[in-house]
Structure formats: C-alpha cells, structure tokens
Amino acid sequence: MDHNVAIGRSYETFTPVRDALSLTWLDVAAFIAPALMCVEVRIVGRLFGSDIFLLAILPLLLRSRWRLLTALLPMMVLRLELLWLAGQVATDLWRRTPFEDLARGESMIAFGIFHFATLYMLLYGSRQRIVEYALGLAAGGILIFIFDPGLFAAGNPWKFGVGEPSTILVVVAAAAIFNSEGVFTASATLLFAACLNLYMGYRSMAGMCFFASAFLMMQRESARLSRPSRAATVAIAVAAVAAVAGTFKIYDFAASTGLLGFHAQQEFEVQSAGEFGVLLGGRSEIFSSALAIRDEPILGHGSGALDTDYALQGQMIMRDFGYKPLPPDPNEAAGVIPEHSFLFGAWTNAGILGAAFWAWVFAMAIRAMFALFRIVEPLSPLIAFFVVLLAWDLLFSPYGAYQRFFAPYEIVLAVYVLESARAFAHGS
C-alpha cells in the first residue's frame, strides 16, 4: 500500500509551487502570521504583530474549523497548557507577584495556548500551509535582523541574526528537493546547511541539520521494511543521536585547532574548560534554575522571579566543575533567576504543572520522530528538523519572545506526524 495514499486522506499532496491564483486566504495567513513577528509594540511586555494577527483570525477559524480541536491530541495539548497557566496563576497569587511581572508571565502562556489553537486549525489539512508558515518564519527572522537586530547580533550576525532564517529556507528547499529529486539530494542539501552552520559557529543549528540529513537516510532504510521492528527503530534512533554527537566532536576539533577562527577558538576554550564540556559550559543557567527547582519543586517562584542568590550559586557550581564564570546577561544583572530551558523555566516559574506540560511535549516529540520512520511523508526533511529543534529548545533554550511563534508550530507538526502514523496504521 502506498504510504502517501494513507496520509493523503486528511492532508493534500505537497506541491512546492502552486498557481498564485489558487491561493486562499488561509494560505496568505499562514505566511503573514509568522512574518509579522518583525513588528513589535511595547505594552507591559513585548507584543508582536504576529500575536495580534493570530488573535484576529482565531474567531474566523473557530467559526468553521473548531471541531478540529476536539481530536484527542490537540485537546490534550490545550488541557495541559491550561493547567500550566492555572499553575502560574496560583503561584503568582501565592507569591504576590507584582502585576507587571505576572501580566508578562501569564500572558506569555496564554498566547501560547491561543497560538497553538489558531495554528492547528489554520494548518490542518494542508502541507502547503505548513511550508508557507515555515517561509513566514524565515521572512520574519530576516526582517528582524534588518530593522531590529538583537543585542548580540552585531557581534555574531549569523548565530543571532540571519543564521536561523537562512537555515529554514534551506530546510524548505530540502523538502521540495525530497519530492522532486529524492532522498540523497535532499540529505546532501541538509548536510550543506549543517557544514555552513558549523563553520559559522552555530553548533546547535548544525546539529539539527545534521540530524535531519542523517534521519532521511535512515528513514529510507526503515521504509524498506513493511513494519520495522522496535529494536530496529531504537537502533536507528541511537545512530541518529550518535551522528549529532559526531557533529559536536567535529566542531570541538575544528574550534580547538583554530580552523574556525580566533573568536571560535577562544569561546571553545572558555566553554569546554569544565567537566561537562561545551554542552553545559555555554548554558550555565541550568545550574541556577536547577537549584531554584530544588527549593520550590511544586509551587514554583512566580513569573519573572527575582533572586540573585541563585545566579551566584550557579556561578559557584560552574567554578567547582572547572568552568570560568560568564558575564551575566541583562536579565541576570537585574536579579531574574537564570533560565535556559523551556522545561526548567516553566518549572521554576509555575511549578510542577509547568514542568508537566513540557515533559509531555518532549515525550510527544520523541514519539513523533519514531512515528516518522513508519511513514513516507513528503515533508520529512522539514518535520525532522523542526521536531528535533523543539526537543532541543525544550531542554536548552529559554521560552519567550519569538519562541511563542516557533514552539506552537513545532507542536502542531509533532501532532500531525502522530495523526498521520495512526491513519496509516488503520489503513494498512
């Protein structure tokens, strides 16, 4: 049985180029929504054009497509995210969090809920719109770099500027190539993106691209089996993780020997000096947030919690493990408890209910990657990249600002893969 036939019952076939006259308002919205994140308004916290646009089209989508949200997986996402919001509200009330902080923290969660619901209804049933949203993310990132570059963009314009949007464009190109030229050319395209990011010092992005490249090749082998065994699937997953680890080893060698330039060599020497190497050397915030979670594992510390002791204790732990303390970012300097993880950040601020949501999402992302082995999905390059990016950010990146336009989209992709795998299983 043709795998694409099974999946195509609910999703249209992906066509890289479509006649502009056939585009609907849903297609236009899928691109414009993320692209508008380049527009920012300061109201208590940071409000973006994408926030306003997604909220504006939510009633239109609810009127005609609300039943889509009643399916098991999207409903589970919404329920757990509402519990996260409830946990944050309860914590802020108990801690008597200042209004400005609680408004910023609780609205961030609320926007995540609204955005997931909107994107699920907007993108459901259309691979084309899934791609258009990815293109909108790339366009928005480039416009941000042009008109409102971040604090660190001047020092590293690739990592903190054009690197991510440029990589997304390559990933979309790989998805188009995957459908027209085949696995090998698409995999080589992603490998090129991995090497470019590695050369530019963007280690995590290089790892995501290398994983997606290796994943396509291993998925090809898996697809030869009508029903791959669990042991074979696990073996392929282990090989994929080993491939990403190999990427970091290559970077370690290139940076330490000066092949990537003096700045990369200097940064590597600082971040790799400790017992856990570069992985934690560049993410010292994990130590601080782990201490905060240890002290308040159930209730949390509240939105934007201030406590300079955790930052100081985190720096002391870094010294004990052989790392040189890094200069604090503006938030740490203001006394905010350092966070560098969706999971640890939600756990620190909202307590166990925040942790429960992201732990469930992490498990769903892993399940989605396993499920992707069992189907021949036209968007495999794009989905593999974004879902593994979700898992990485969940563990190693702070949640805030632009992440609320990436994370809901990535969760939608994970849900889509699991639903497609279920449809294929029932139809085969």
Protein backbone atom coordinates (compact mmCIF):
# COMPACT_ATOMS: atom_id res chain seq x y z
CA MET A 1 0.00 0.00 0.00
CA ASP A 2 1.26 3.49 -0.86
CA HIS A 3 2.06 5.31 2.35
CA ASN A 4 1.25 8.68 0.84
CA VAL A 5 -2.25 7.48 -0.03
CA ALA A 6 -2.90 6.69 3.62
CA ILE A 7 -1.66 10.06 4.79
CA GLY A 8 -3.34 11.92 1.96
CA ARG A 9 -6.79 11.16 3.31
CA SER A 10 -6.53 14.21 5.53
CA TYR A 11 -3.60 16.18 4.01
CA GLU A 12 -3.24 17.41 0.47
CA THR A 13 -0.16 16.43 -1.51
CA PHE A 14 2.74 18.84 -1.07
CA THR A 15 3.45 20.83 -4.23
CA PRO A 16 6.46 23.20 -3.98
CA VAL A 17 4.99 25.67 -6.49
CA ARG A 18 1.30 26.47 -6.72
CA ASP A 19 -0.54 28.80 -9.08
CA ALA A 20 -0.86 32.13 -7.25
CA LEU A 21 -4.49 32.43 -8.36
CA SER A 22 -5.40 29.28 -6.42
CA LEU A 23 -4.13 30.62 -3.09
CA THR A 24 -6.80 31.09 -0.43
CA TRP A 25 -6.86 33.50 2.48
CA LEU A 26 -5.67 30.59 4.64
CA ASP A 27 -2.50 30.33 2.54
CA VAL A 28 -1.85 34.05 2.80
CA ALA A 29 -2.49 33.98 6.55
CA ALA A 30 -0.09 31.04 7.01
CA PHE A 31 2.74 33.16 5.61
CA ILE A 32 1.83 36.54 7.05
CA ALA A 33 1.25 35.31 10.61
CA PRO A 34 4.89 34.49 11.44
CA ALA A 35 6.35 37.16 9.15
CA LEU A 36 4.68 39.87 11.28
CA MET A 37 6.85 38.99 14.29
CA CYS A 38 9.15 41.71 12.95
CA VAL A 39 6.60 44.27 14.19
CA GLU A 40 6.80 44.93 17.92
CA VAL A 41 4.73 47.01 20.34
CA ARG A 42 5.68 47.55 23.99
CA ILE A 43 2.61 47.01 26.18
CA VAL A 44 3.67 45.73 29.63
CA GLY A 45 5.75 43.08 27.88
CA ARG A 46 6.57 42.53 24.22
CA LEU A 47 3.58 42.32 21.88
CA PHE A 48 4.27 41.39 18.27
CA GLY A 49 2.36 41.82 15.06
CA SER A 50 2.09 38.04 14.86
CA ASP A 51 0.29 37.97 18.22
CA ILE A 52 -2.29 40.48 17.01
CA PHE A 53 -2.78 38.78 13.64
CA LEU A 54 -3.19 35.27 15.08
CA LEU A 55 -5.69 36.51 17.66
CA ALA A 56 -7.59 38.38 14.92
CA ILE A 57 -8.07 35.28 12.74
CA LEU A 58 -8.85 32.95 15.67
CA PRO A 59 -12.62 33.76 15.66
CA LEU A 60 -12.78 33.18 11.89
CA LEU A 61 -11.17 29.77 12.25
CA LEU A 62 -13.29 28.82 15.25
CA ARG A 63 -16.45 29.55 13.30
CA SER A 64 -15.69 26.95 10.61
CA ARG A 65 -12.99 24.63 11.97
CA TRP A 66 -13.47 24.42 15.76
CA ARG A 67 -14.23 20.68 15.64
CA LEU A 68 -10.60 20.03 14.69
CA LEU A 69 -9.58 20.96 18.24
CA THR A 70 -11.78 18.24 19.74
CA ALA A 71 -9.48 15.45 18.49
CA LEU A 72 -7.52 13.61 21.18
CA LEU A 73 -4.02 15.04 20.72
CA PRO A 74 -4.82 18.75 20.18
CA MET A 75 -7.28 18.60 23.07
CA MET A 76 -4.57 17.05 25.28
CA VAL A 77 -2.13 19.82 24.35
CA LEU A 78 -4.69 22.51 25.21
CA ARG A 79 -5.68 20.90 28.52
CA LEU A 80 -2.11 20.52 29.73
CA GLU A 81 -1.25 24.05 28.63
CA LEU A 82 -4.28 25.37 30.51
CA LEU A 83 -3.03 23.51 33.59
CA TRP A 84 0.33 25.23 33.13
CA LEU A 85 -1.46 28.58 33.04
CA ALA A 86 -3.50 27.65 36.13
CA GLY A 87 -0.30 26.70 37.94
CA GLN A 88 1.27 30.03 37.02
CA VAL A 89 -1.77 31.98 38.22
CA ALA A 90 -1.85 30.06 41.52
CA THR A 91 1.87 30.59 42.05
CA ASP A 92 1.67 34.30 41.29
CA LEU A 93 -1.23 34.72 43.71
CA TRP A 94 0.62 32.83 46.45
CA ARG A 95 3.89 34.69 45.87
CA ARG A 96 2.13 38.04 45.45
CA THR A 97 3.97 38.62 42.20
CA PRO A 98 3.99 42.27 41.07
CA PHE A 99 1.35 42.97 38.43
CA GLU A 100 3.83 43.84 35.68
CA ASP A 101 5.67 40.53 36.12
CA LEU A 102 2.56 38.35 36.40
CA ALA A 103 0.95 40.05 33.41
CA ARG A 104 4.03 39.35 31.32
CA GLY A 105 4.46 35.75 32.51
CA GLU A 106 0.81 34.70 32.35
CA SER A 107 0.15 36.39 29.02
CA MET A 108 3.11 34.53 27.51
CA ILE A 109 1.44 31.21 28.41
CA ALA A 110 -1.98 32.44 27.27
CA PHE A 111 -0.55 33.49 23.90
CA GLY A 112 0.97 30.02 23.55
CA ILE A 113 -2.47 28.47 24.07
CA PHE A 114 -4.18 30.77 21.57
CA HIS A 115 -1.39 30.38 19.03
CA PHE A 116 -1.44 26.59 19.15
CA ALA A 117 -5.23 26.51 18.70
CA THR A 118 -5.05 29.00 15.82
CA LEU A 119 -2.16 27.28 14.05
CA TYR A 120 -3.70 23.84 14.40
CA MET A 121 -6.90 24.99 12.72
CA LEU A 122 -5.01 27.08 10.16
CA LEU A 123 -2.52 24.42 9.08
CA TYR A 124 -4.63 21.27 9.42
CA GLY A 125 -5.23 19.52 6.12
CA SER A 126 -2.60 21.39 4.11
CA ARG A 127 1.07 20.54 3.70
CA GLN A 128 1.27 23.67 1.57
CA ARG A 129 0.32 25.88 4.53
CA ILE A 130 2.79 24.07 6.77
CA VAL A 131 5.52 25.08 4.30
CA GLU A 132 4.14 28.62 3.95
CA TYR A 133 4.33 29.11 7.70
CA ALA A 134 7.97 27.98 7.69
CA LEU A 135 8.69 30.51 4.92
CA GLY A 136 6.96 33.17 7.03
CA LEU A 137 9.25 32.31 9.97
CA ALA A 138 12.26 32.80 7.71
CA ALA A 139 10.93 36.10 6.34
CA GLY A 140 10.16 37.39 9.83
CA GLY A 141 13.64 36.46 11.07
CA ILE A 142 15.35 38.25 8.20
CA LEU A 143 13.20 41.38 8.67
CA ILE A 144 14.00 41.41 12.39
CA PHE A 145 17.71 41.30 11.60
CA ILE A 146 17.35 44.17 9.11
CA PHE A 147 15.15 46.51 11.16
CA ASP A 148 15.58 45.48 14.80
CA PRO A 149 18.68 43.33 15.34
CA GLY A 150 19.12 41.91 18.81
CA LEU A 151 21.72 42.83 21.39
CA PHE A 152 24.18 40.16 20.27
CA ALA A 153 23.61 40.41 16.50
CA ALA A 154 26.44 42.88 15.95
CA GLY A 155 28.99 40.52 17.49
CA ASN A 156 27.67 37.37 15.82
CA PRO A 157 25.27 38.21 12.98
CA TRP A 158 24.95 34.60 11.85
CA LYS A 159 24.03 32.97 15.17
CA PHE A 160 21.93 35.88 16.44
CA GLY A 161 20.68 37.15 13.10
CA VAL A 162 20.40 35.53 9.70
CA GLY A 163 21.58 32.01 10.55
CA GLU A 164 18.27 30.56 11.67
CA PRO A 165 16.06 32.07 8.92
CA SER A 166 18.63 31.13 6.27
CA THR A 167 18.70 27.56 7.57
CA ILE A 168 14.90 27.38 7.48
CA LEU A 169 14.97 28.38 3.81
CA VAL A 170 17.45 25.57 3.11
CA VAL A 171 15.22 23.12 5.00
CA VAL A 172 12.19 24.15 2.91
CA ALA A 173 14.32 23.73 -0.22
CA ALA A 174 15.32 20.26 1.00
CA ALA A 175 11.63 19.35 1.38
CA ALA A 176 10.98 20.43 -2.23
CA ILE A 177 14.05 18.53 -3.42
CA PHE A 178 12.96 15.47 -1.43
CA ASN A 179 9.79 15.31 -3.52
CA SER A 180 11.40 16.03 -6.89
CA GLU A 181 14.99 14.73 -6.76
CA GLY A 182 14.86 12.15 -3.99
CA VAL A 183 16.44 11.30 -0.65
CA PHE A 184 20.13 11.64 -1.49
CA THR A 185 19.94 15.16 -2.90
CA ALA A 186 17.71 16.34 -0.06
CA SER A 187 20.05 14.80 2.51
CA ALA A 188 23.06 16.45 0.85
CA THR A 189 21.26 19.81 0.95
CA LEU A 190 20.74 19.48 4.70
CA LEU A 191 24.33 18.34 5.13
CA PHE A 192 25.45 21.53 3.38
CA ALA A 193 23.39 23.57 5.88
CA ALA A 194 24.99 21.62 8.73
CA CYS A 195 28.50 22.33 7.49
CA LEU A 196 27.74 26.01 6.93
CA ASN A 197 26.36 26.42 10.45
CA LEU A 198 29.30 24.51 11.87
CA TYR A 199 31.73 26.79 10.08
CA MET A 200 29.85 29.86 11.32
CA GLY A 201 29.99 28.61 14.92
CA TYR A 202 26.26 27.85 15.30
CA ARG A 203 26.71 24.44 16.89
CA SER A 204 23.12 23.61 17.82
CA MET A 205 21.75 24.57 14.39
CA ALA A 206 24.47 22.50 12.73
CA GLY A 207 23.42 19.56 14.89
CA MET A 208 19.74 19.95 13.92
CA CYS A 209 20.61 19.97 10.20
CA PHE A 210 22.99 17.04 10.51
CA PHE A 211 20.34 15.07 12.40
CA ALA A 212 17.73 15.80 9.72
CA SER A 213 20.18 14.77 6.99
CA ALA A 214 21.05 11.51 8.72
CA PHE A 215 17.39 10.93 9.55
CA LEU A 216 16.38 11.00 5.88
CA MET A 217 18.94 8.35 5.00
CA MET A 218 17.95 6.14 7.91
CA GLN A 219 14.25 6.67 7.21
CA ARG A 220 14.90 5.43 3.69
CA GLU A 221 16.33 2.21 5.07
CA SER A 222 13.47 1.90 7.55
CA ALA A 223 10.87 2.37 4.79
CA ARG A 224 12.13 -0.77 3.07
CA LEU A 225 10.64 -2.77 5.92
CA SER A 226 6.86 -3.01 5.86
CA ARG A 227 6.79 -2.97 9.67
CA PRO A 228 10.18 -2.13 11.19
CA SER A 229 10.82 -3.88 14.48
CA ARG A 230 11.09 -1.92 17.70
CA ALA A 231 14.72 -2.97 18.02
CA ALA A 232 15.47 -1.66 14.52
CA THR A 233 13.76 1.64 15.29
CA VAL A 234 15.72 2.06 18.51
CA ALA A 235 18.95 1.21 16.72
CA ILE A 236 18.25 3.85 14.09
CA ALA A 237 17.45 6.42 16.80
CA VAL A 238 20.72 5.63 18.61
CA ALA A 239 22.59 6.02 15.33
CA ALA A 240 20.94 9.41 14.78
CA VAL A 241 21.95 10.62 18.24
CA ALA A 242 25.48 9.36 17.59
CA ALA A 243 25.50 11.31 14.33
CA VAL A 244 24.64 14.55 16.14
CA ALA A 245 27.26 13.80 18.80
CA GLY A 246 29.74 13.36 15.97
CA THR A 247 28.85 16.84 14.72
CA PHE A 248 29.81 18.32 18.08
CA LYS A 249 33.05 16.33 18.08
CA ILE A 250 33.93 17.71 14.66
CA TYR A 251 33.20 21.22 15.94
CA ASP A 252 35.35 20.60 19.02
CA PHE A 253 38.29 19.63 16.84
CA ALA A 254 37.84 22.47 14.35
CA ALA A 255 37.36 25.13 17.03
CA SER A 256 40.15 23.95 19.33
CA THR A 257 42.68 23.89 16.48
CA GLY A 258 41.74 27.36 15.24
CA LEU A 259 40.20 26.21 11.94
CA LEU A 260 37.08 28.30 12.67
CA GLY A 261 38.98 31.44 13.62
CA PHE A 262 40.34 33.02 16.78
CA HIS A 263 36.95 34.00 18.27
CA ALA A 264 35.57 30.47 17.98
CA GLN A 265 38.75 29.05 19.46
CA GLN A 266 38.62 31.46 22.41
CA GLU A 267 34.92 30.74 23.03
CA PHE A 268 35.55 27.00 22.86
CA GLU A 269 38.39 27.18 25.38
CA VAL A 270 36.18 29.02 27.87
CA GLN A 271 33.10 26.83 27.43
CA SER A 272 34.91 23.47 27.32
CA ALA A 273 37.13 24.00 30.36
CA GLY A 274 34.79 22.19 32.77
CA GLU A 275 33.93 18.56 33.42
CA PHE A 276 30.83 18.51 31.20
CA GLY A 277 32.40 20.13 28.15
CA VAL A 278 30.77 22.62 25.79
CA LEU A 279 27.20 21.34 26.24
CA LEU A 280 26.80 22.83 29.73
CA GLY A 281 29.68 25.29 29.55
CA GLY A 282 27.60 27.52 27.29
CA ARG A 283 24.45 27.05 29.36
CA SER A 284 25.43 27.91 32.92
CA GLU A 285 21.83 28.99 33.63
CA ILE A 286 20.87 25.34 34.01
CA PHE A 287 22.74 25.16 37.30
CA SER A 288 20.88 28.18 38.69
CA SER A 289 17.42 27.06 37.62
CA ALA A 290 18.08 23.52 38.92
CA LEU A 291 18.75 24.99 42.36
CA ALA A 292 15.56 27.06 42.17
CA ILE A 293 13.55 23.97 41.23
CA ARG A 294 15.10 22.02 44.10
CA ASP A 295 13.91 24.63 46.58
CA GLU A 296 10.37 25.00 45.14
CA PRO A 297 9.57 21.89 43.05
CA ILE A 298 5.76 22.03 43.45
CA LEU A 299 4.66 25.66 43.52
CA GLY A 300 7.49 27.50 41.76
CA HIS A 301 8.84 31.01 42.31
CA GLY A 302 6.36 33.05 40.25
CA SER A 303 6.56 34.98 36.98
CA GLY A 304 9.85 36.80 36.49
CA ALA A 305 11.02 35.72 39.95
CA LEU A 306 13.90 37.78 41.35
CA ASP A 307 16.59 36.13 43.47
CA THR A 308 20.25 37.00 42.94
CA ASP A 309 21.38 34.12 45.17
CA TYR A 310 20.59 31.50 42.53
CA ALA A 311 22.74 33.22 39.90
CA LEU A 312 25.62 33.47 42.38
CA GLN A 313 25.25 29.83 43.45
CA GLY A 314 25.13 28.77 39.80
CA GLN A 315 28.41 30.59 39.15
CA MET A 316 29.98 28.88 42.17
CA ILE A 317 28.93 25.47 40.84
CA MET A 318 30.48 26.36 37.49
CA ARG A 319 33.78 27.13 39.23
CA ASP A 320 33.59 23.84 41.13
CA PHE A 321 33.22 21.98 37.83
CA GLY A 322 36.13 23.85 36.30
CA TYR A 323 34.31 26.47 34.21
CA LYS A 324 35.13 30.13 34.04
CA PRO A 325 32.04 32.18 35.01
CA LEU A 326 30.47 34.03 32.09
CA PRO A 327 29.31 37.66 32.34
CA PRO A 328 25.60 37.85 33.26
CA ASP A 329 23.04 38.85 30.63
CA PRO A 330 20.77 41.87 31.29
CA ASN A 331 18.07 39.74 32.96
CA GLU A 332 20.54 38.11 35.36
CA ALA A 333 22.04 41.50 36.16
CA ALA A 334 18.53 42.61 37.19
CA GLY A 335 18.25 39.63 39.56
CA VAL A 336 15.96 37.39 37.48
CA ILE A 337 16.54 33.68 38.17
CA PRO A 338 18.56 32.44 35.17
CA GLU A 339 16.73 30.02 32.85
CA HIS A 340 17.88 28.37 29.64
CA SER A 341 15.25 25.70 29.03
CA PHE A 342 11.52 25.60 28.27
CA LEU A 343 11.20 22.83 30.84
CA PHE A 344 13.32 24.36 33.61
CA GLY A 345 11.90 27.84 33.01
CA ALA A 346 8.28 26.68 33.32
CA TRP A 347 9.17 24.57 36.36
CA THR A 348 10.97 27.47 38.03
CA ASN A 349 8.15 29.96 37.46
CA ALA A 350 4.96 27.86 37.59
CA GLY A 351 6.00 24.76 39.48
CA ILE A 352 5.18 21.16 38.67
CA LEU A 353 2.24 21.95 36.35
CA GLY A 354 4.54 23.90 34.04
CA ALA A 355 7.03 21.04 34.06
CA ALA A 356 4.27 18.50 33.35
CA PHE A 357 3.25 20.28 30.13
CA TRP A 358 6.75 20.44 28.66
CA ALA A 359 7.66 16.92 29.80
CA TRP A 360 4.60 15.64 27.94
CA VAL A 361 5.50 17.68 24.85
CA PHE A 362 9.04 16.29 24.95
CA ALA A 363 7.70 12.74 25.07
CA MET A 364 5.34 13.55 22.19
CA ALA A 365 8.24 14.94 20.11
CA ILE A 366 10.22 11.73 20.64
CA ARG A 367 7.18 9.63 19.71
CA ALA A 368 6.71 11.75 16.59
CA MET A 369 10.28 11.08 15.45
CA PHE A 370 9.77 7.34 15.90
CA ALA A 371 6.45 7.54 14.05
CA LEU A 372 8.10 9.36 11.15
CA PHE A 373 10.13 6.22 10.46
CA ARG A 374 6.95 4.30 9.71
CA ILE A 375 5.54 6.59 7.03
CA VAL A 376 6.79 8.08 3.78
CA GLU A 377 5.99 11.72 4.47
CA PRO A 378 6.65 14.34 1.74
CA LEU A 379 7.64 16.89 4.41
CA SER A 380 10.07 14.58 6.22
CA PRO A 381 13.08 16.98 5.92
CA LEU A 382 11.09 19.90 7.34
CA ILE A 383 9.35 17.91 10.08
CA ALA A 384 12.51 16.12 11.21
CA PHE A 385 14.31 19.47 11.51
CA PHE A 386 11.59 21.32 13.41
CA VAL A 387 10.57 18.49 15.75
CA VAL A 388 14.14 17.80 16.84
CA LEU A 389 14.59 21.58 17.22
CA LEU A 390 11.58 21.53 19.56
CA ALA A 391 13.16 18.78 21.66
CA TRP A 392 16.47 20.66 21.78
CA ASP A 393 14.95 24.03 22.70
CA LEU A 394 12.76 22.37 25.30
CA LEU A 395 15.91 21.27 27.13
CA PHE A 396 18.41 24.00 26.28
CA SER A 397 16.71 27.27 25.21
CA PRO A 398 14.69 29.92 27.10
CA TYR A 399 11.00 30.24 26.23
CA GLY A 400 9.94 33.75 25.36
CA ALA A 401 9.66 36.43 22.70
CA TYR A 402 9.85 34.75 19.27
CA GLN A 403 9.69 31.21 20.65
CA ARG A 404 5.93 31.54 21.02
CA PHE A 405 5.72 31.53 17.21
CA PHE A 406 8.09 28.60 16.80
CA ALA A 407 7.07 26.23 19.61
CA PRO A 408 3.30 26.03 18.83
CA TYR A 409 4.13 25.39 15.17
CA GLU A 410 6.58 22.65 16.12
CA ILE A 411 3.99 21.07 18.43
CA VAL A 412 1.46 21.15 15.57
CA LEU A 413 3.99 19.28 13.40
CA ALA A 414 4.51 16.63 16.09
CA VAL A 415 0.73 16.15 16.39
CA TYR A 416 0.44 15.96 12.60
CA VAL A 417 3.03 13.17 12.38
CA LEU A 418 1.35 11.13 15.11
CA GLU A 419 -2.05 11.57 13.47
CA SER A 420 -0.62 10.58 10.06
CA ALA A 421 1.04 7.49 11.52
CA ARG A 422 -2.23 6.49 13.15
CA ALA A 423 -4.11 6.96 9.86
CA PHE A 424 -1.55 4.83 8.04
CA ALA A 425 -1.74 2.08 10.69
CA HIS A 426 -5.53 1.96 10.47
CA GLY A 427 -5.50 1.97 6.70
CA SER A 428 -2.82 -0.68 6.17
